[in-house]
Amino acid sequence: MLCSLNALTASNPSVNLNNLTIGQILCIPKKVCPPGTMTHTVAQGETVYTIAQRYYTTIDVLLYMNPNLNVNSINPGDTICVPIGAPE
């Protein structure tokens, strides 16, 4: 899961992220999707193209909703934002 350094810092205000130790526990912020969207967790074998088809949208729309999305590198367990209202 990708998150910004600012989001990671805000979720761990008492942690020096430049001096982590083995076994230290960090809070990883949940992905927050824009209004009109919901999260989709990528399953094994899914691609951005198959996800776009599933939600009756386009790759361009998914890229707009997920500016950090790399269409060539999504993995099972990744979370992306998809449009609400389209049949699953």
PDB file of N, CA and C in Angstrom:
ATOM      1  N   MET A   1       0.848  -1.182   0.000  1.00  0.00           N
ATOM      2  CA  MET A   1       0.000   0.000   0.000  1.00  0.00           C
ATOM      3  C   MET A   1       0.884   1.232   0.000  1.00  0.00           C
ATOM      4  N   LEU A   2       0.601   2.147  -0.870  1.00  0.00           N
ATOM      5  CA  LEU A   2       1.345   3.388  -0.934  1.00  0.00           C
ATOM      6  C   LEU A   2       0.634   4.463  -0.141  1.00  0.00           C
ATOM      7  N   CYS A   3       1.421   5.243   0.589  1.00  0.00           N
ATOM      8  CA  CYS A   3       0.876   6.428   1.244  1.00  0.00           C
ATOM      9  C   CYS A   3       1.978   7.468   1.266  1.00  0.00           C
ATOM     10  N   SER A   4       1.598   8.705   1.416  1.00  0.00           N
ATOM     11  CA  SER A   4       2.592   9.772   1.418  1.00  0.00           C
ATOM     12  C   SER A   4       3.335   9.807   2.747  1.00  0.00           C
ATOM     13  N   LEU A   5       4.504  10.400   2.719  1.00  0.00           N
ATOM     14  CA  LEU A   5       5.278  10.566   3.947  1.00  0.00           C
ATOM     15  C   LEU A   5       4.502  11.428   4.934  1.00  0.00           C
ATOM     16  N   ASN A   6       3.798  12.443   4.440  1.00  0.00           N
ATOM     17  CA  ASN A   6       2.993  13.291   5.327  1.00  0.00           C
ATOM     18  C   ASN A   6       1.908  12.485   6.022  1.00  0.00           C
ATOM     19  N   ALA A   7       1.235  11.588   5.279  1.00  0.00           N
ATOM     20  CA  ALA A   7       0.189  10.764   5.873  1.00  0.00           C
ATOM     21  C   ALA A   7       0.778   9.803   6.904  1.00  0.00           C
ATOM     22  N   LEU A   8       1.940   9.232   6.601  1.00  0.00           N
ATOM     23  CA  LEU A   8       2.591   8.316   7.532  1.00  0.00           C
ATOM     24  C   LEU A   8       3.025   9.050   8.797  1.00  0.00           C
ATOM     25  N   THR A   9       3.567  10.250   8.641  1.00  0.00           N
ATOM     26  CA  THR A   9       3.983  11.058   9.787  1.00  0.00           C
ATOM     27  C   THR A   9       2.782  11.446  10.642  1.00  0.00           C
ATOM     28  N   ALA A  10       1.686  11.843   9.993  1.00  0.00           N
ATOM     29  CA  ALA A  10       0.487  12.241  10.744  1.00  0.00           C
ATOM     30  C   ALA A  10      -0.102  11.063  11.514  1.00  0.00           C
ATOM     31  N   SER A  11       0.039   9.867  10.993  1.00  0.00           N
ATOM     32  CA  SER A  11      -0.499   8.677  11.664  1.00  0.00           C
ATOM     33  C   SER A  11       0.414   8.176  12.773  1.00  0.00           C
ATOM     34  N   ASN A  12       1.636   8.686  12.824  1.00  0.00           N
ATOM     35  CA  ASN A  12       2.618   8.244  13.820  1.00  0.00           C
ATOM     36  C   ASN A  12       3.354   9.447  14.406  1.00  0.00           C
ATOM     37  N   PRO A  13       2.625  10.345  15.099  1.00  0.00           N
ATOM     38  CA  PRO A  13       3.233  11.607  15.532  1.00  0.00           C
ATOM     39  C   PRO A  13       4.384  11.453  16.519  1.00  0.00           C
ATOM     40  N   SER A  14       4.431  10.361  17.260  1.00  0.00           N
ATOM     41  CA  SER A  14       5.495  10.211  18.255  1.00  0.00           C
ATOM     42  C   SER A  14       6.678   9.388  17.741  1.00  0.00           C
ATOM     43  N   VAL A  15       6.664   9.050  16.459  1.00  0.00           N
ATOM     44  CA  VAL A  15       7.705   8.196  15.889  1.00  0.00           C
ATOM     45  C   VAL A  15       8.640   9.026  15.015  1.00  0.00           C
ATOM     46  N   ASN A  16       9.941   8.835  15.221  1.00  0.00           N
ATOM     47  CA  ASN A  16      10.940   9.450  14.344  1.00  0.00           C
ATOM     48  C   ASN A  16      11.124   8.507  13.156  1.00  0.00           C
ATOM     49  N   LEU A  17      10.535   8.845  12.019  1.00  0.00           N
ATOM     50  CA  LEU A  17      10.576   7.964  10.851  1.00  0.00           C
ATOM     51  C   LEU A  17      11.972   7.854  10.254  1.00  0.00           C
ATOM     52  N   ASN A  18      12.891   8.701  10.688  1.00  0.00           N
ATOM     53  CA  ASN A  18      14.275   8.612  10.216  1.00  0.00           C
ATOM     54  C   ASN A  18      15.134   7.722  11.110  1.00  0.00           C
ATOM     55  N   ASN A  19      14.522   7.172  12.164  1.00  0.00           N
ATOM     56  CA  ASN A  19      15.286   6.348  13.105  1.00  0.00           C
ATOM     57  C   ASN A  19      14.422   5.195  13.591  1.00  0.00           C
ATOM     58  N   LEU A  20      13.975   4.348  12.667  1.00  0.00           N
ATOM     59  CA  LEU A  20      13.125   3.214  13.011  1.00  0.00           C
ATOM     60  C   LEU A  20      13.984   2.062  13.514  1.00  0.00           C
ATOM     61  N   THR A  21      13.373   1.222  14.357  1.00  0.00           N
ATOM     62  CA  THR A  21      14.069   0.040  14.864  1.00  0.00           C
ATOM     63  C   THR A  21      13.311  -1.211  14.440  1.00  0.00           C
ATOM     64  N   ILE A  22      14.025  -2.312  14.372  1.00  0.00           N
ATOM     65  CA  ILE A  22      13.418  -3.582  14.004  1.00  0.00           C
ATOM     66  C   ILE A  22      12.334  -3.926  15.024  1.00  0.00           C
ATOM     67  N   GLY A  23      11.162  -4.294  14.526  1.00  0.00           N
ATOM     68  CA  GLY A  23      10.051  -4.665  15.394  1.00  0.00           C
ATOM     69  C   GLY A  23       9.176  -3.504  15.813  1.00  0.00           C
ATOM     70  N   GLN A  24       9.568  -2.293  15.467  1.00  0.00           N
ATOM     71  CA  GLN A  24       8.769  -1.118  15.818  1.00  0.00           C
ATOM     72  C   GLN A  24       7.446  -1.163  15.065  1.00  0.00           C
ATOM     73  N   ILE A  25       6.379  -0.802  15.736  1.00  0.00           N
ATOM     74  CA  ILE A  25       5.044  -0.843  15.140  1.00  0.00           C
ATOM     75  C   ILE A  25       4.670   0.545  14.638  1.00  0.00           C
ATOM     76  N   LEU A  26       4.205   0.582  13.366  1.00  0.00           N
ATOM     77  CA  LEU A  26       3.746   1.825  12.766  1.00  0.00           C
ATOM     78  C   LEU A  26       2.273   1.696  12.401  1.00  0.00           C
ATOM     79  N   CYS A  27       1.567   2.799  12.456  1.00  0.00           N
ATOM     80  CA  CYS A  27       0.194   2.847  11.966  1.00  0.00           C
ATOM     81  C   CYS A  27       0.245   3.251  10.500  1.00  0.00           C
ATOM     82  N   ILE A  28      -0.370   2.440   9.637  1.00  0.00           N
ATOM     83  CA  ILE A  28      -0.428   2.733   8.214  1.00  0.00           C
ATOM     84  C   ILE A  28      -1.819   3.298   7.935  1.00  0.00           C
ATOM     85  N   PRO A  29      -1.896   4.539   7.437  1.00  0.00           N
ATOM     86  CA  PRO A  29      -3.213   5.142   7.212  1.00  0.00           C
ATOM     87  C   PRO A  29      -3.980   4.420   6.108  1.00  0.00           C
ATOM     88  N   LYS A  30      -5.293   4.324   6.296  1.00  0.00           N
ATOM     89  CA  LYS A  30      -6.151   3.751   5.266  1.00  0.00           C
ATOM     90  C   LYS A  30      -6.244   4.714   4.103  1.00  0.00           C
ATOM     91  N   LYS A  31      -6.427   4.152   2.937  1.00  0.00           N
ATOM     92  CA  LYS A  31      -6.606   4.978   1.747  1.00  0.00           C
ATOM     93  C   LYS A  31      -7.959   5.675   1.853  1.00  0.00           C
ATOM     94  N   VAL A  32      -7.970   6.951   1.591  1.00  0.00           N
ATOM     95  CA  VAL A  32      -9.198   7.729   1.589  1.00  0.00           C
ATOM     96  C   VAL A  32      -9.504   8.079   0.137  1.00  0.00           C
ATOM     97  N   CYS A  33     -10.659   7.652  -0.316  1.00  0.00           N
ATOM     98  CA  CYS A  33     -11.051   7.904  -1.700  1.00  0.00           C
ATOM     99  C   CYS A  33     -11.884   9.180  -1.799  1.00  0.00           C
ATOM    100  N   PRO A  34     -11.835   9.836  -2.949  1.00  0.00           N
ATOM    101  CA  PRO A  34     -12.623  11.058  -3.127  1.00  0.00           C
ATOM    102  C   PRO A  34     -14.120  10.768  -3.131  1.00  0.00           C
ATOM    103  N   PRO A  35     -14.945  11.788  -2.903  1.00  0.00           N
ATOM    104  CA  PRO A  35     -16.401  11.605  -2.952  1.00  0.00           C
ATOM    105  C   PRO A  35     -16.820  10.978  -4.282  1.00  0.00           C
ATOM    106  N   GLY A  36     -17.809  10.109  -4.215  1.00  0.00           N
ATOM    107  CA  GLY A  36     -18.313   9.451  -5.420  1.00  0.00           C
ATOM    108  C   GLY A  36     -17.545   8.197  -5.788  1.00  0.00           C
ATOM    109  N   THR A  37     -16.606   7.816  -4.913  1.00  0.00           N
ATOM    110  CA  THR A  37     -15.820   6.608  -5.166  1.00  0.00           C
ATOM    111  C   THR A  37     -15.810   5.726  -3.928  1.00  0.00           C
ATOM    112  N   MET A  38     -15.319   4.508  -4.114  1.00  0.00           N
ATOM    113  CA  MET A  38     -15.142   3.573  -2.999  1.00  0.00           C
ATOM    114  C   MET A  38     -13.835   2.826  -3.227  1.00  0.00           C
ATOM    115  N   THR A  39     -13.374   2.108  -2.222  1.00  0.00           N
ATOM    116  CA  THR A  39     -12.127   1.367  -2.376  1.00  0.00           C
ATOM    117  C   THR A  39     -12.381  -0.002  -2.980  1.00  0.00           C
ATOM    118  N   HIS A  40     -11.403  -0.465  -3.723  1.00  0.00           N
ATOM    119  CA  HIS A  40     -11.401  -1.823  -4.284  1.00  0.00           C
ATOM    120  C   HIS A  40     -10.041  -2.416  -3.942  1.00  0.00           C
ATOM    121  N   THR A  41     -10.040  -3.604  -3.346  1.00  0.00           N
ATOM    122  CA  THR A  41      -8.791  -4.300  -3.046  1.00  0.00           C
ATOM    123  C   THR A  41      -8.465  -5.226  -4.202  1.00  0.00           C
ATOM    124  N   VAL A  42      -7.292  -5.049  -4.769  1.00  0.00           N
ATOM    125  CA  VAL A  42      -6.867  -5.818  -5.931  1.00  0.00           C
ATOM    126  C   VAL A  42      -6.710  -7.285  -5.555  1.00  0.00           C
ATOM    127  N   ALA A  43      -7.312  -8.160  -6.362  1.00  0.00           N
ATOM    128  CA  ALA A  43      -7.217  -9.603  -6.174  1.00  0.00           C
ATOM    129  C   ALA A  43      -6.168 -10.186  -7.123  1.00  0.00           C
ATOM    130  N   GLN A  44      -5.727 -11.383  -6.811  1.00  0.00           N
ATOM    131  CA  GLN A  44      -4.760 -12.084  -7.653  1.00  0.00           C
ATOM    132  C   GLN A  44      -5.262 -12.144  -9.094  1.00  0.00           C
ATOM    133  N   GLY A  45      -4.416 -11.791 -10.039  1.00  0.00           N
ATOM    134  CA  GLY A  45      -4.757 -11.868 -11.452  1.00  0.00           C
ATOM    135  C   GLY A  45      -5.445 -10.645 -12.029  1.00  0.00           C
ATOM    136  N   GLU A  46      -5.856  -9.699 -11.179  1.00  0.00           N
ATOM    137  CA  GLU A  46      -6.516  -8.500 -11.696  1.00  0.00           C
ATOM    138  C   GLU A  46      -5.506  -7.528 -12.278  1.00  0.00           C
ATOM    139  N   THR A  47      -5.951  -6.806 -13.285  1.00  0.00           N
ATOM    140  CA  THR A  47      -5.167  -5.724 -13.875  1.00  0.00           C
ATOM    141  C   THR A  47      -6.004  -4.455 -13.805  1.00  0.00           C
ATOM    142  N   VAL A  48      -5.392  -3.325 -14.081  1.00  0.00           N
ATOM    143  CA  VAL A  48      -6.156  -2.074 -14.112  1.00  0.00           C
ATOM    144  C   VAL A  48      -7.254  -2.178 -15.170  1.00  0.00           C
ATOM    145  N   TYR A  49      -6.946  -2.823 -16.277  1.00  0.00           N
ATOM    146  CA  TYR A  49      -7.930  -2.990 -17.346  1.00  0.00           C
ATOM    147  C   TYR A  49      -9.124  -3.827 -16.875  1.00  0.00           C
ATOM    148  N   THR A  50      -8.877  -4.965 -16.206  1.00  0.00           N
ATOM    149  CA  THR A  50      -9.999  -5.809 -15.768  1.00  0.00           C
ATOM    150  C   THR A  50     -10.812  -5.136 -14.672  1.00  0.00           C
ATOM    151  N   ILE A  51     -10.147  -4.338 -13.838  1.00  0.00           N
ATOM    152  CA  ILE A  51     -10.873  -3.598 -12.803  1.00  0.00           C
ATOM    153  C   ILE A  51     -11.750  -2.534 -13.453  1.00  0.00           C
ATOM    154  N   ALA A  52     -11.220  -1.838 -14.442  1.00  0.00           N
ATOM    155  CA  ALA A  52     -12.013  -0.835 -15.161  1.00  0.00           C
ATOM    156  C   ALA A  52     -13.239  -1.489 -15.793  1.00  0.00           C
ATOM    157  N   GLN A  53     -13.060  -2.653 -16.407  1.00  0.00           N
ATOM    158  CA  GLN A  53     -14.201  -3.365 -17.000  1.00  0.00           C
ATOM    159  C   GLN A  53     -15.225  -3.746 -15.939  1.00  0.00           C
ATOM    160  N   ARG A  54     -14.756  -4.229 -14.824  1.00  0.00           N
ATOM    161  CA  ARG A  54     -15.657  -4.672 -13.747  1.00  0.00           C
ATOM    162  C   ARG A  54     -16.561  -3.548 -13.259  1.00  0.00           C
ATOM    163  N   TYR A  55     -16.025  -2.338 -13.209  1.00  0.00           N
ATOM    164  CA  TYR A  55     -16.782  -1.193 -12.695  1.00  0.00           C
ATOM    165  C   TYR A  55     -17.324  -0.306 -13.817  1.00  0.00           C
ATOM    166  N   TYR A  56     -17.331  -0.821 -15.040  1.00  0.00           N
ATOM    167  CA  TYR A  56     -17.882  -0.092 -16.193  1.00  0.00           C
ATOM    168  C   TYR A  56     -17.306   1.313 -16.317  1.00  0.00           C
ATOM    169  N   THR A  57     -15.975   1.386 -16.258  1.00  0.00           N
ATOM    170  CA  THR A  57     -15.288   2.668 -16.388  1.00  0.00           C
ATOM    171  C   THR A  57     -14.078   2.474 -17.292  1.00  0.00           C
ATOM    172  N   THR A  58     -13.201   3.455 -17.319  1.00  0.00           N
ATOM    173  CA  THR A  58     -12.019   3.374 -18.169  1.00  0.00           C
ATOM    174  C   THR A  58     -10.749   3.440 -17.322  1.00  0.00           C
ATOM    175  N   ILE A  59      -9.651   3.041 -17.927  1.00  0.00           N
ATOM    176  CA  ILE A  59      -8.355   3.146 -17.258  1.00  0.00           C
ATOM    177  C   ILE A  59      -8.055   4.608 -16.949  1.00  0.00           C
ATOM    178  N   ASP A  60      -8.394   5.514 -17.878  1.00  0.00           N
ATOM    179  CA  ASP A  60      -8.148   6.941 -17.649  1.00  0.00           C
ATOM    180  C   ASP A  60      -8.880   7.457 -16.419  1.00  0.00           C
ATOM    181  N   VAL A  61     -10.112   7.016 -16.208  1.00  0.00           N
ATOM    182  CA  VAL A  61     -10.871   7.427 -15.019  1.00  0.00           C
ATOM    183  C   VAL A  61     -10.194   6.887 -13.766  1.00  0.00           C
ATOM    184  N   LEU A  62      -9.762   5.631 -13.787  1.00  0.00           N
ATOM    185  CA  LEU A  62      -9.081   5.054 -12.620  1.00  0.00           C
ATOM    186  C   LEU A  62      -7.774   5.791 -12.336  1.00  0.00           C
ATOM    187  N   LEU A  63      -7.051   6.178 -13.376  1.00  0.00           N
ATOM    188  CA  LEU A  63      -5.811   6.939 -13.182  1.00  0.00           C
ATOM    189  C   LEU A  63      -6.101   8.320 -12.607  1.00  0.00           C
ATOM    190  N   TYR A  64      -7.194   8.936 -13.025  1.00  0.00           N
ATOM    191  CA  TYR A  64      -7.584  10.233 -12.486  1.00  0.00           C
ATOM    192  C   TYR A  64      -7.915  10.123 -10.993  1.00  0.00           C
ATOM    193  N   MET A  65      -8.615   9.062 -10.623  1.00  0.00           N
ATOM    194  CA  MET A  65      -9.006   8.849  -9.223  1.00  0.00           C
ATOM    195  C   MET A  65      -7.834   8.409  -8.354  1.00  0.00           C
ATOM    196  N   ASN A  66      -6.801   7.859  -8.982  1.00  0.00           N
ATOM    197  CA  ASN A  66      -5.649   7.296  -8.272  1.00  0.00           C
ATOM    198  C   ASN A  66      -4.370   7.827  -8.912  1.00  0.00           C
ATOM    199  N   PRO A  67      -4.003   9.087  -8.638  1.00  0.00           N
ATOM    200  CA  PRO A  67      -2.885   9.706  -9.343  1.00  0.00           C
ATOM    201  C   PRO A  67      -1.546   8.982  -9.192  1.00  0.00           C
ATOM    202  N   ASN A  68      -1.364   8.209  -8.136  1.00  0.00           N
ATOM    203  CA  ASN A  68      -0.099   7.494  -7.929  1.00  0.00           C
ATOM    204  C   ASN A  68      -0.142   6.070  -8.464  1.00  0.00           C
ATOM    205  N   LEU A  69      -1.214   5.707  -9.129  1.00  0.00           N
ATOM    206  CA  LEU A  69      -1.378   4.339  -9.632  1.00  0.00           C
ATOM    207  C   LEU A  69      -0.444   4.083 -10.801  1.00  0.00           C
ATOM    208  N   ASN A  70       0.305   2.996 -10.727  1.00  0.00           N
ATOM    209  CA  ASN A  70       1.169   2.567 -11.822  1.00  0.00           C
ATOM    210  C   ASN A  70       0.477   1.391 -12.497  1.00  0.00           C
ATOM    211  N   VAL A  71      -0.031   1.590 -13.710  1.00  0.00           N
ATOM    212  CA  VAL A  71      -0.806   0.542 -14.380  1.00  0.00           C
ATOM    213  C   VAL A  71       0.022  -0.710 -14.649  1.00  0.00           C
ATOM    214  N   ASN A  72       1.327  -0.582 -14.637  1.00  0.00           N
ATOM    215  CA  ASN A  72       2.197  -1.730 -14.893  1.00  0.00           C
ATOM    216  C   ASN A  72       2.621  -2.444 -13.625  1.00  0.00           C
ATOM    217  N   SER A  73       2.182  -1.949 -12.480  1.00  0.00           N
ATOM    218  CA  SER A  73       2.644  -2.547 -11.234  1.00  0.00           C
ATOM    219  C   SER A  73       1.574  -2.461 -10.149  1.00  0.00           C
ATOM    220  N   ILE A  74       0.516  -3.269 -10.296  1.00  0.00           N
ATOM    221  CA  ILE A  74      -0.442  -3.389  -9.190  1.00  0.00           C
ATOM    222  C   ILE A  74      -0.317  -4.809  -8.658  1.00  0.00           C
ATOM    223  N   ASN A  75      -0.546  -4.956  -7.377  1.00  0.00           N
ATOM    224  CA  ASN A  75      -0.344  -6.244  -6.715  1.00  0.00           C
ATOM    225  C   ASN A  75      -1.569  -6.620  -5.899  1.00  0.00           C
ATOM    226  N   PRO A  76      -1.793  -7.911  -5.706  1.00  0.00           N
ATOM    227  CA  PRO A  76      -2.880  -8.330  -4.821  1.00  0.00           C
ATOM    228  C   PRO A  76      -2.724  -7.648  -3.465  1.00  0.00           C
ATOM    229  N   GLY A  77      -3.843  -7.133  -2.964  1.00  0.00           N
ATOM    230  CA  GLY A  77      -3.840  -6.432  -1.682  1.00  0.00           C
ATOM    231  C   GLY A  77      -3.752  -4.924  -1.813  1.00  0.00           C
ATOM    232  N   ASP A  78      -3.297  -4.421  -2.986  1.00  0.00           N
ATOM    233  CA  ASP A  78      -3.301  -2.975  -3.205  1.00  0.00           C
ATOM    234  C   ASP A  78      -4.741  -2.470  -3.154  1.00  0.00           C
ATOM    235  N   THR A  79      -4.922  -1.243  -2.728  1.00  0.00           N
ATOM    236  CA  THR A  79      -6.240  -0.637  -2.672  1.00  0.00           C
ATOM    237  C   THR A  79      -6.287   0.533  -3.638  1.00  0.00           C
ATOM    238  N   ILE A  80      -7.323   0.558  -4.481  1.00  0.00           N
ATOM    239  CA  ILE A  80      -7.504   1.678  -5.402  1.00  0.00           C
ATOM    240  C   ILE A  80      -8.933   2.197  -5.271  1.00  0.00           C
ATOM    241  N   CYS A  81      -9.147   3.421  -5.724  1.00  0.00           N
ATOM    242  CA  CYS A  81     -10.475   4.023  -5.708  1.00  0.00           C
ATOM    243  C   CYS A  81     -11.179   3.732  -7.030  1.00  0.00           C
ATOM    244  N   VAL A  82     -12.456   3.355  -6.941  1.00  0.00           N
ATOM    245  CA  VAL A  82     -13.274   3.062  -8.124  1.00  0.00           C
ATOM    246  C   VAL A  82     -14.586   3.814  -7.998  1.00  0.00           C
ATOM    247  N   PRO A  83     -15.274   4.057  -9.127  1.00  0.00           N
ATOM    248  CA  PRO A  83     -16.543   4.801  -9.072  1.00  0.00           C
ATOM    249  C   PRO A  83     -17.621   4.038  -8.308  1.00  0.00           C
ATOM    250  N   ILE A  84     -18.439   4.785  -7.566  1.00  0.00           N
ATOM    251  CA  ILE A  84     -19.614   4.204  -6.907  1.00  0.00           C
ATOM    252  C   ILE A  84     -20.767   4.210  -7.899  1.00  0.00           C
ATOM    253  N   GLY A  85     -21.623   3.231  -7.795  1.00  0.00           N
ATOM    254  CA  GLY A  85     -22.828   3.222  -8.597  1.00  0.00           C
ATOM    255  C   GLY A  85     -22.760   2.275  -9.770  1.00  0.00           C
ATOM    256  N   ALA A  86     -21.570   1.880 -10.177  1.00  0.00           N
ATOM    257  CA  ALA A  86     -21.455   0.907 -11.252  1.00  0.00           C
ATOM    258  C   ALA A  86     -21.628  -0.491 -10.673  1.00  0.00           C
ATOM    259  N   PRO A  87     -22.289  -1.381 -11.369  1.00  0.00           N
ATOM    260  CA  PRO A  87     -22.422  -2.750 -10.868  1.00  0.00           C
ATOM    261  C   PRO A  87     -21.066  -3.389 -10.698  1.00  0.00           C
ATOM    262  N   GLU A  88     -20.924  -4.214  -9.676  1.00  0.00           N
ATOM    263  CA  GLU A  88     -19.654  -4.895  -9.461  1.00  0.00           C
ATOM    264  C   GLU A  88     -19.596  -6.172 -10.255  1.00  0.00           C
TER     265      GLU A  88
END
